[in-house]
Every structure is written in structure tokens, then in C-alpha cells.
Amino acid sequence: TDDIARLLGTPRIVRSMPNTPALVGQGMTGLF
């Protein structure tokens, strides 16, 4: 998010790590 914020010019960012079972509604997503 530090790099995302630097390139976008805003700190209002949520970062996630999803996985492919999200395609069938059975995913697991980590959020920060």
C-alpha cells in the first residue's frame, strides 16, 4: 500500500489477497 499510495497520491487504500475459488463463491480473502 505504500507504493500504491505513492503512485495514486492518496493513502485511502484497502489491500486484499483473494484466491481463485472466489469465482464460485468459495474464496478466502485476506484484507488490510
PDB file of all heavy atoms in Angstrom:
ATOM      1  N   THR A   1       0.819  -1.223   0.000  1.00  0.00           N
ATOM      2  CA  THR A   1       0.000   0.000   0.000  1.00  0.00           C
ATOM      3  C   THR A   1       0.847   1.265   0.000  1.00  0.00           C
ATOM      4  O   THR A   1       0.389   2.299  -0.497  1.00  0.00           O
ATOM      5  CB  THR A   1      -0.972   0.020   1.192  1.00  0.00           C
ATOM      6  OG1 THR A   1      -0.233  -0.026   2.417  1.00  0.00           O
ATOM      7  CG2 THR A   1      -1.934  -1.156   1.129  1.00  0.00           C
ATOM      8  N   ASP A   2       2.068   1.227   0.538  1.00  0.00           N
ATOM      9  CA  ASP A   2       2.927   2.407   0.466  1.00  0.00           C
ATOM     10  C   ASP A   2       3.204   2.773  -0.983  1.00  0.00           C
ATOM     11  O   ASP A   2       3.186   3.957  -1.363  1.00  0.00           O
ATOM     12  CB  ASP A   2       4.253   2.158   1.195  1.00  0.00           C
ATOM     13  CG  ASP A   2       4.132   2.286   2.704  1.00  0.00           C
ATOM     14  OD1 ASP A   2       3.085   2.777   3.185  1.00  0.00           O
ATOM     15  OD2 ASP A   2       5.079   1.883   3.406  1.00  0.00           O
ATOM     16  N   ASP A   3       3.449   1.763  -1.805  1.00  0.00           N
ATOM     17  CA  ASP A   3       3.729   2.002  -3.222  1.00  0.00           C
ATOM     18  C   ASP A   3       2.468   2.410  -3.978  1.00  0.00           C
ATOM     19  O   ASP A   3       2.509   3.283  -4.854  1.00  0.00           O
ATOM     20  CB  ASP A   3       4.360   0.756  -3.849  1.00  0.00           C
ATOM     21  CG  ASP A   3       5.708   0.422  -3.232  1.00  0.00           C
ATOM     22  OD1 ASP A   3       6.563   1.321  -3.133  1.00  0.00           O
ATOM     23  OD2 ASP A   3       5.895  -0.736  -2.828  1.00  0.00           O
ATOM     24  N   ILE A   4       1.352   1.774  -3.637  1.00  0.00           N
ATOM     25  CA  ILE A   4       0.085   2.151  -4.261  1.00  0.00           C
ATOM     26  C   ILE A   4      -0.250   3.596  -3.921  1.00  0.00           C
ATOM     27  O   ILE A   4      -0.636   4.394  -4.794  1.00  0.00           O
ATOM     28  CB  ILE A   4      -1.046   1.205  -3.806  1.00  0.00           C
ATOM     29  CG1 ILE A   4      -0.767  -0.231  -4.271  1.00  0.00           C
ATOM     30  CG2 ILE A   4      -2.394   1.677  -4.360  1.00  0.00           C
ATOM     31  CD1 ILE A   4      -1.735  -1.264  -3.706  1.00  0.00           C
ATOM     32  N   ALA A   5      -0.086   3.970  -2.646  1.00  0.00           N
ATOM     33  CA  ALA A   5      -0.375   5.338  -2.205  1.00  0.00           C
ATOM     34  C   ALA A   5       0.526   6.341  -2.900  1.00  0.00           C
ATOM     35  O   ALA A   5       0.079   7.427  -3.307  1.00  0.00           O
ATOM     36  CB  ALA A   5      -0.217   5.432  -0.694  1.00  0.00           C
ATOM     37  N   ARG A   6       1.798   6.006  -3.040  1.00  0.00           N
ATOM     38  CA  ARG A   6       2.748   6.912  -3.688  1.00  0.00           C
ATOM     39  C   ARG A   6       2.357   7.175  -5.139  1.00  0.00           C
ATOM     40  O   ARG A   6       2.411   8.314  -5.614  1.00  0.00           O
ATOM     41  CB  ARG A   6       4.156   6.310  -3.606  1.00  0.00           C
ATOM     42  CG  ARG A   6       5.219   7.063  -4.394  1.00  0.00           C
ATOM     43  CD  ARG A   6       6.601   6.490  -4.106  1.00  0.00           C
ATOM     44  NE  ARG A   6       6.665   5.045  -4.291  1.00  0.00           N
ATOM     45  CZ  ARG A   6       6.835   4.445  -5.459  1.00  0.00           C
ATOM     46  NH1 ARG A   6       6.929   5.159  -6.578  1.00  0.00           N
ATOM     47  NH2 ARG A   6       6.905   3.114  -5.531  1.00  0.00           N
ATOM     48  N   LEU A   7       1.923   6.132  -5.838  1.00  0.00           N
ATOM     49  CA  LEU A   7       1.603   6.277  -7.257  1.00  0.00           C
ATOM     50  C   LEU A   7       0.217   6.864  -7.497  1.00  0.00           C
ATOM     51  O   LEU A   7      -0.027   7.481  -8.538  1.00  0.00           O
ATOM     52  CB  LEU A   7       1.725   4.914  -7.949  1.00  0.00           C
ATOM     53  CG  LEU A   7       3.170   4.379  -8.034  1.00  0.00           C
ATOM     54  CD1 LEU A   7       3.181   2.918  -8.451  1.00  0.00           C
ATOM     55  CD2 LEU A   7       3.988   5.217  -9.020  1.00  0.00           C
ATOM     56  N   LEU A   8      -0.688   6.710  -6.537  1.00  0.00           N
ATOM     57  CA  LEU A   8      -2.033   7.260  -6.689  1.00  0.00           C
ATOM     58  C   LEU A   8      -2.202   8.614  -6.022  1.00  0.00           C
ATOM     59  O   LEU A   8      -3.159   9.334  -6.304  1.00  0.00           O
ATOM     60  CB  LEU A   8      -3.076   6.280  -6.130  1.00  0.00           C
ATOM     61  CG  LEU A   8      -3.293   4.992  -6.895  1.00  0.00           C
ATOM     62  CD1 LEU A   8      -4.310   4.108  -6.173  1.00  0.00           C
ATOM     63  CD2 LEU A   8      -3.768   5.272  -8.327  1.00  0.00           C
ATOM     64  N   GLY A   9      -1.305   8.947  -5.092  1.00  0.00           N
ATOM     65  CA  GLY A   9      -1.413  10.219  -4.406  1.00  0.00           C
ATOM     66  C   GLY A   9      -2.487  10.266  -3.341  1.00  0.00           C
ATOM     67  O   GLY A   9      -2.979  11.338  -2.989  1.00  0.00           O
ATOM     68  N   THR A  10      -2.860   9.094  -2.798  1.00  0.00           N
ATOM     69  CA  THR A  10      -3.843   9.033  -1.718  1.00  0.00           C
ATOM     70  C   THR A  10      -3.547   7.839  -0.821  1.00  0.00           C
ATOM     71  O   THR A  10      -3.144   6.780  -1.313  1.00  0.00           O
ATOM     72  CB  THR A  10      -5.287   8.909  -2.262  1.00  0.00           C
ATOM     73  OG1 THR A  10      -6.192   8.749  -1.151  1.00  0.00           O
ATOM     74  CG2 THR A  10      -5.430   7.718  -3.200  1.00  0.00           C
ATOM     75  N   PRO A  11      -3.741   7.987   0.508  1.00  0.00           N
ATOM     76  CA  PRO A  11      -3.493   6.865   1.413  1.00  0.00           C
ATOM     77  C   PRO A  11      -4.729   6.023   1.700  1.00  0.00           C
ATOM     78  O   PRO A  11      -4.646   5.052   2.460  1.00  0.00           O
ATOM     79  CB  PRO A  11      -3.029   7.577   2.691  1.00  0.00           C
ATOM     80  CG  PRO A  11      -3.838   8.835   2.705  1.00  0.00           C
ATOM     81  CD  PRO A  11      -3.990   9.241   1.259  1.00  0.00           C
ATOM     82  N   ARG A  12      -5.868   6.367   1.118  1.00  0.00           N
ATOM     83  CA  ARG A  12      -7.127   5.663   1.425  1.00  0.00           C
ATOM     84  C   ARG A  12      -7.185   4.371   0.601  1.00  0.00           C
ATOM     85  O   ARG A  12      -7.809   4.304  -0.455  1.00  0.00           O
ATOM     86  CB  ARG A  12      -8.338   6.556   1.140  1.00  0.00           C
ATOM     87  CG  ARG A  12      -8.422   7.748   2.097  1.00  0.00           C
ATOM     88  CD  ARG A  12      -9.577   8.655   1.747  1.00  0.00           C
ATOM     89  NE  ARG A  12     -10.860   7.930   1.769  1.00  0.00           N
ATOM     90  CZ  ARG A  12     -11.774   8.014   0.801  1.00  0.00           C
ATOM     91  NH1 ARG A  12     -11.552   8.750  -0.270  1.00  0.00           N
ATOM     92  NH2 ARG A  12     -12.898   7.353   0.909  1.00  0.00           N
ATOM     93  N   ILE A  13      -6.521   3.347   1.146  1.00  0.00           N
ATOM     94  CA  ILE A  13      -6.337   2.108   0.390  1.00  0.00           C
ATOM     95  C   ILE A  13      -6.622   0.903   1.271  1.00  0.00           C
ATOM     96  O   ILE A  13      -6.183   0.833   2.417  1.00  0.00           O
ATOM     97  CB  ILE A  13      -4.891   2.002  -0.141  1.00  0.00           C
ATOM     98  CG1 ILE A  13      -4.571   3.179  -1.075  1.00  0.00           C
ATOM     99  CG2 ILE A  13      -4.650   0.678  -0.856  1.00  0.00           C
ATOM    100  CD1 ILE A  13      -3.094   3.377  -1.303  1.00  0.00           C
ATOM    101  N   VAL A  14      -7.354  -0.055   0.710  1.00  0.00           N
ATOM    102  CA  VAL A  14      -7.518  -1.381   1.296  1.00  0.00           C
ATOM    103  C   VAL A  14      -6.860  -2.363   0.337  1.00  0.00           C
ATOM    104  O   VAL A  14      -7.142  -2.340  -0.869  1.00  0.00           O
ATOM    105  CB  VAL A  14      -9.000  -1.756   1.507  1.00  0.00           C
ATOM    106  CG1 VAL A  14      -9.112  -3.190   2.041  1.00  0.00           C
ATOM    107  CG2 VAL A  14      -9.673  -0.780   2.465  1.00  0.00           C
ATOM    108  N   ARG A  15      -5.980  -3.179   0.866  1.00  0.00           N
ATOM    109  CA  ARG A  15      -5.312  -4.184   0.035  1.00  0.00           C
ATOM    110  C   ARG A  15      -5.844  -5.564   0.396  1.00  0.00           C
ATOM    111  O   ARG A  15      -6.112  -5.854   1.568  1.00  0.00           O
ATOM    112  CB  ARG A  15      -3.801  -4.132   0.274  1.00  0.00           C
ATOM    113  CG  ARG A  15      -3.018  -5.179  -0.513  1.00  0.00           C
ATOM    114  CD  ARG A  15      -1.548  -5.127  -0.163  1.00  0.00           C
ATOM    115  NE  ARG A  15      -0.877  -6.362  -0.566  1.00  0.00           N
ATOM    116  CZ  ARG A  15       0.306  -6.759  -0.131  1.00  0.00           C
ATOM    117  NH1 ARG A  15       0.978  -6.004   0.749  1.00  0.00           N
ATOM    118  NH2 ARG A  15       0.827  -7.898  -0.550  1.00  0.00           N
ATOM    119  N   SER A  16      -5.981  -6.423  -0.595  1.00  0.00           N
ATOM    120  CA  SER A  16      -6.507  -7.763  -0.342  1.00  0.00           C
ATOM    121  C   SER A  16      -5.648  -8.824  -0.993  1.00  0.00           C
ATOM    122  O   SER A  16      -4.868  -8.549  -1.907  1.00  0.00           O
ATOM    123  CB  SER A  16      -7.940  -7.878  -0.878  1.00  0.00           C
ATOM    124  OG  SER A  16      -7.945  -7.903  -2.298  1.00  0.00           O
ATOM    125  N   MET A  17      -5.805 -10.046  -0.492  1.00  0.00           N
ATOM    126  CA  MET A  17      -5.236 -11.227  -1.140  1.00  0.00           C
ATOM    127  C   MET A  17      -6.352 -12.246  -1.273  1.00  0.00           C
ATOM    128  O   MET A  17      -6.659 -12.987  -0.339  1.00  0.00           O
ATOM    129  CB  MET A  17      -4.088 -11.794  -0.293  1.00  0.00           C
ATOM    130  CG  MET A  17      -3.393 -13.010  -0.936  1.00  0.00           C
ATOM    131  SD  MET A  17      -2.575 -12.600  -2.487  1.00  0.00           S
ATOM    132  CE  MET A  17      -3.490 -13.624  -3.644  1.00  0.00           C
ATOM    133  N   PRO A  18      -7.029 -12.258  -2.430  1.00  0.00           N
ATOM    134  CA  PRO A  18      -8.090 -13.244  -2.659  1.00  0.00           C
ATOM    135  C   PRO A  18      -7.508 -14.531  -3.234  1.00  0.00           C
ATOM    136  O   PRO A  18      -6.296 -14.644  -3.438  1.00  0.00           O
ATOM    137  CB  PRO A  18      -8.979 -12.537  -3.689  1.00  0.00           C
ATOM    138  CG  PRO A  18      -8.007 -11.698  -4.479  1.00  0.00           C
ATOM    139  CD  PRO A  18      -6.892 -11.320  -3.535  1.00  0.00           C
ATOM    140  N   ASN A  19      -8.365 -15.511  -3.466  1.00  0.00           N
ATOM    141  CA  ASN A  19      -7.917 -16.698  -4.200  1.00  0.00           C
ATOM    142  C   ASN A  19      -8.983 -17.113  -5.214  1.00  0.00           C
ATOM    143  O   ASN A  19     -10.108 -16.609  -5.201  1.00  0.00           O
ATOM    144  CB  ASN A  19      -7.510 -17.844  -3.268  1.00  0.00           C
ATOM    145  CG  ASN A  19      -8.652 -18.395  -2.427  1.00  0.00           C
ATOM    146  OD1 ASN A  19      -9.818 -18.083  -2.629  1.00  0.00           O
ATOM    147  ND2 ASN A  19      -8.320 -19.241  -1.464  1.00  0.00           N
ATOM    148  N   THR A  20      -8.614 -18.016  -6.096  1.00  0.00           N
ATOM    149  CA  THR A  20      -9.460 -18.319  -7.246  1.00  0.00           C
ATOM    150  C   THR A  20     -10.808 -18.968  -6.925  1.00  0.00           C
ATOM    151  O   THR A  20     -11.749 -18.803  -7.712  1.00  0.00           O
ATOM    152  CB  THR A  20      -8.711 -19.200  -8.267  1.00  0.00           C
ATOM    153  OG1 THR A  20      -8.197 -20.364  -7.609  1.00  0.00           O
ATOM    154  CG2 THR A  20      -7.563 -18.435  -8.891  1.00  0.00           C
ATOM    155  N   PRO A  21     -10.996 -19.691  -5.809  1.00  0.00           N
ATOM    156  CA  PRO A  21     -12.344 -20.185  -5.520  1.00  0.00           C
ATOM    157  C   PRO A  21     -13.385 -19.085  -5.350  1.00  0.00           C
ATOM    158  O   PRO A  21     -14.588 -19.367  -5.286  1.00  0.00           O
ATOM    159  CB  PRO A  21     -12.148 -20.993  -4.230  1.00  0.00           C
ATOM    160  CG  PRO A  21     -10.742 -21.489  -4.324  1.00  0.00           C
ATOM    161  CD  PRO A  21      -9.992 -20.342  -4.928  1.00  0.00           C
ATOM    162  N   ALA A  22     -12.942 -17.824  -5.303  1.00  0.00           N
ATOM    163  CA  ALA A  22     -13.886 -16.700  -5.310  1.00  0.00           C
ATOM    164  C   ALA A  22     -14.773 -16.751  -6.544  1.00  0.00           C
ATOM    165  O   ALA A  22     -15.909 -16.263  -6.523  1.00  0.00           O
ATOM    166  CB  ALA A  22     -13.125 -15.374  -5.268  1.00  0.00           C
ATOM    167  N   LEU A  23     -14.274 -17.359  -7.611  1.00  0.00           N
ATOM    168  CA  LEU A  23     -15.047 -17.455  -8.855  1.00  0.00           C
ATOM    169  C   LEU A  23     -16.315 -18.282  -8.683  1.00  0.00           C
ATOM    170  O   LEU A  23     -17.268 -18.126  -9.451  1.00  0.00           O
ATOM    171  CB  LEU A  23     -14.177 -18.053  -9.974  1.00  0.00           C
ATOM    172  CG  LEU A  23     -12.979 -17.196 -10.405  1.00  0.00           C
ATOM    173  CD1 LEU A  23     -12.050 -18.005 -11.291  1.00  0.00           C
ATOM    174  CD2 LEU A  23     -13.458 -15.945 -11.126  1.00  0.00           C
ATOM    175  N   VAL A  24     -16.338 -19.154  -7.675  1.00  0.00           N
ATOM    176  CA  VAL A  24     -17.528 -19.968  -7.414  1.00  0.00           C
ATOM    177  C   VAL A  24     -18.107 -19.669  -6.029  1.00  0.00           C
ATOM    178  O   VAL A  24     -18.818 -20.483  -5.454  1.00  0.00           O
ATOM    179  CB  VAL A  24     -17.223 -21.479  -7.564  1.00  0.00           C
ATOM    180  CG1 VAL A  24     -16.918 -21.819  -9.022  1.00  0.00           C
ATOM    181  CG2 VAL A  24     -16.079 -21.913  -6.648  1.00  0.00           C
ATOM    182  N   GLY A  25     -17.775 -18.491  -5.495  1.00  0.00           N
ATOM    183  CA  GLY A  25     -18.320 -18.083  -4.211  1.00  0.00           C
ATOM    184  C   GLY A  25     -17.758 -18.815  -3.013  1.00  0.00           C
ATOM    185  O   GLY A  25     -18.322 -18.780  -1.923  1.00  0.00           O
ATOM    186  N   GLN A  26     -16.597 -19.465  -3.190  1.00  0.00           N
ATOM    187  CA  GLN A  26     -15.977 -20.239  -2.112  1.00  0.00           C
ATOM    188  C   GLN A  26     -14.558 -19.760  -1.823  1.00  0.00           C
ATOM    189  O   GLN A  26     -13.707 -20.531  -1.386  1.00  0.00           O
ATOM    190  CB  GLN A  26     -15.952 -21.729  -2.494  1.00  0.00           C
ATOM    191  CG  GLN A  26     -17.316 -22.361  -2.641  1.00  0.00           C
ATOM    192  CD  GLN A  26     -18.045 -22.466  -1.312  1.00  0.00           C
ATOM    193  OE1 GLN A  26     -17.456 -22.787  -0.288  1.00  0.00           O
ATOM    194  NE2 GLN A  26     -19.340 -22.188  -1.316  1.00  0.00           N
ATOM    195  N   GLY A  27     -14.323 -18.482  -2.051  1.00  0.00           N
ATOM    196  CA  GLY A  27     -12.991 -17.942  -1.880  1.00  0.00           C
ATOM    197  C   GLY A  27     -12.636 -17.641  -0.442  1.00  0.00           C
ATOM    198  O   GLY A  27     -13.457 -17.718   0.473  1.00  0.00           O
ATOM    199  N   MET A  28     -11.363 -17.293  -0.250  1.00  0.00           N
ATOM    200  CA  MET A  28     -10.857 -16.817   1.035  1.00  0.00           C
ATOM    201  C   MET A  28     -10.034 -15.584   0.739  1.00  0.00           C
ATOM    202  O   MET A  28      -9.083 -15.648  -0.045  1.00  0.00           O
ATOM    203  CB  MET A  28     -10.000 -17.885   1.712  1.00  0.00           C
ATOM    204  CG  MET A  28      -9.481 -17.472   3.090  1.00  0.00           C
ATOM    205  SD  MET A  28     -10.793 -17.360   4.326  1.00  0.00           S
ATOM    206  CE  MET A  28     -10.358 -15.825   5.144  1.00  0.00           C
ATOM    207  N   THR A  29     -10.407 -14.456   1.333  1.00  0.00           N
ATOM    208  CA  THR A  29      -9.740 -13.191   1.051  1.00  0.00           C
ATOM    209  C   THR A  29      -9.162 -12.599   2.331  1.00  0.00           C
ATOM    210  O   THR A  29      -9.878 -12.411   3.318  1.00  0.00           O
ATOM    211  CB  THR A  29     -10.722 -12.181   0.427  1.00  0.00           C
ATOM    212  OG1 THR A  29     -11.228 -12.706  -0.797  1.00  0.00           O
ATOM    213  CG2 THR A  29     -10.035 -10.845   0.153  1.00  0.00           C
ATOM    214  N   GLY A  30      -7.862 -12.325   2.318  1.00  0.00           N
ATOM    215  CA  GLY A  30      -7.223 -11.595   3.398  1.00  0.00           C
ATOM    216  C   GLY A  30      -7.273 -10.108   3.093  1.00  0.00           C
ATOM    217  O   GLY A  30      -7.100  -9.699   1.934  1.00  0.00           O
ATOM    218  N   LEU A  31      -7.516  -9.270   4.110  1.00  0.00           N
ATOM    219  CA  LEU A  31      -7.698  -7.832   3.907  1.00  0.00           C
ATOM    220  C   LEU A  31      -6.851  -7.038   4.888  1.00  0.00           C
ATOM    221  O   LEU A  31      -6.739  -7.396   6.070  1.00  0.00           O
ATOM    222  CB  LEU A  31      -9.165  -7.449   4.110  1.00  0.00           C
ATOM    223  CG  LEU A  31     -10.196  -8.031   3.137  1.00  0.00           C
ATOM    224  CD1 LEU A  31     -11.589  -7.913   3.717  1.00  0.00           C
ATOM    225  CD2 LEU A  31     -10.111  -7.326   1.800  1.00  0.00           C
ATOM    226  N   PHE A  32      -6.297  -5.932   4.400  1.00  0.00           N
ATOM    227  CA  PHE A  32      -5.576  -4.983   5.251  1.00  0.00           C
ATOM    228  C   PHE A  32      -5.997  -3.576   4.860  1.00  0.00           C
ATOM    229  O   PHE A  32      -6.004  -3.226   3.675  1.00  0.00           O
ATOM    230  CB  PHE A  32      -4.058  -5.120   5.081  1.00  0.00           C
ATOM    231  CG  PHE A  32      -3.295  -3.985   5.720  1.00  0.00           C
ATOM    232  CD1 PHE A  32      -3.085  -3.962   7.096  1.00  0.00           C
ATOM    233  CD2 PHE A  32      -2.816  -2.930   4.951  1.00  0.00           C
ATOM    234  CE1 PHE A  32      -2.398  -2.912   7.691  1.00  0.00           C
ATOM    235  CE2 PHE A  32      -2.127  -1.878   5.535  1.00  0.00           C
ATOM    236  CZ  PHE A  32      -1.916  -1.873   6.913  1.00  0.00           C
TER     237      PHE A  32
END
